[in-house]
Amino acid sequence: MPTSRATIADVAREAGVSKATVSRFLNHRDKLLTKDIATRVEVAIAALSYIPSPMAQSLKRGRSRLIGLVVADVTNPFSVAVLRGAEKACQEAGYLLMMFNLGNDSCRESEAIETLTAYQVEGFILNTLGGDAKAVTEAARHGKPVVLVDRRHHGMQADFVSLDNVGAVRMGVSHLLGAGYQELLFVSEQIKGVSSREEREAAFRAFIGNTAPDSSGLQGRTFEHAADDPQALDDALRSLRERAGNRLPAVLSSNAVVTLRVVAAMARLGWMLGTDVGLIGFDDTEWSPYIGPGLSSIAQPTDDLGRIAAGCLIERLKGLQLPPRQIFLSGQLVPRGSSVHTVI
């Protein structure tokens, strides 16, 4: 039994042939070999448990069949769900997905592109913060096709696949207004520089501004929350209830990460979802139905976002020449108990 991974040279030595002969056999060109030599190579491969390197074989053919995916934060359920959709589309087309997690560090975007390029990826799917100007230069330097998901990268001309953020915010706020909530708080991570957060916050302010004059009494503010300051979120929720007075207060959270922070703050304050403060958040996770009375959500078509992004990239790899495309998908409202006011 071999004590280390066998190489093509080991197989050639075992079979008593050249490495070129083994390569012909591995690339299904055994018709160029005599039956005796092909059998000897086959027996040697089995005896040494030799496994050829898919990357090495691909590179010999001039293609790696690898696609690089860069995500801002792999702990965000949205990123994982998009990854699954992209991975399925890549597998169906005969590609493998290689992921680089930024850990919410925008300074690593150009590093991610450099690293994945070293692995000979053929193109990139980027779900980044968009804050590293060098990343645009780095991507352009390598001349590989790029598709952006959810977040724009200023200065980068590329296909863009995203949720219709404006329509999704209108859907969520309209739902809260219809449920009787009139004092709203949009809670987000740092907004500036992240296009999806900017679009959602702008849509929230626009909806409030356009609706307030109709005497509905709708009011709204924005609160940016840092993960390391739970006290600030507690204080923001207290202020929300104070401003509401006799009206019903509610929160619109910008993603699943923020939703969990709001739920934790509610628990610290001893408040009940839907009763003391209403809540609806972006991203419908697997755990959304099981927290409190159930978390109302704006579900993103994450599987489709990943699948379409991968499809756009693969089309580019096959030679499609078109101006950059923008594809927007609709969200879906999933109402549950957290946005239904209950009097106790």
Foldseek 3Di string as FASTA:
>chain_A
DDPDADDLCQLCVQLVHDSVQLVCLVVVNCVVPDPSSNVSSVVSCVVRVHDDDLQVVQVVVVHRLEEEEEAAAPVFVLVVLLVVLQQVLSVVVVHHYDYDYNNNPQCCLLVSLVVVVVSVHQAYEYHHLLPHPVNQVSCVVVPHAYEYEQWDRPPHFHAYEYAPLLQLLCVVVVLLLVLFAAEEEEEEADQPSTVSSVVNVVSNVVVQVVPVVVVSNHDYDYDHDDPVCLVVLLVVLVVSLVVQPPGAYEYEYEGPVVVVSNLVSCVVVVHAQQARYAYEYEDDDPCQPPRGQGHKYFHDPSSVSSNVRSVRSVCVVVPDDDGHHYHYDYTDTDDTRNSNHDDD
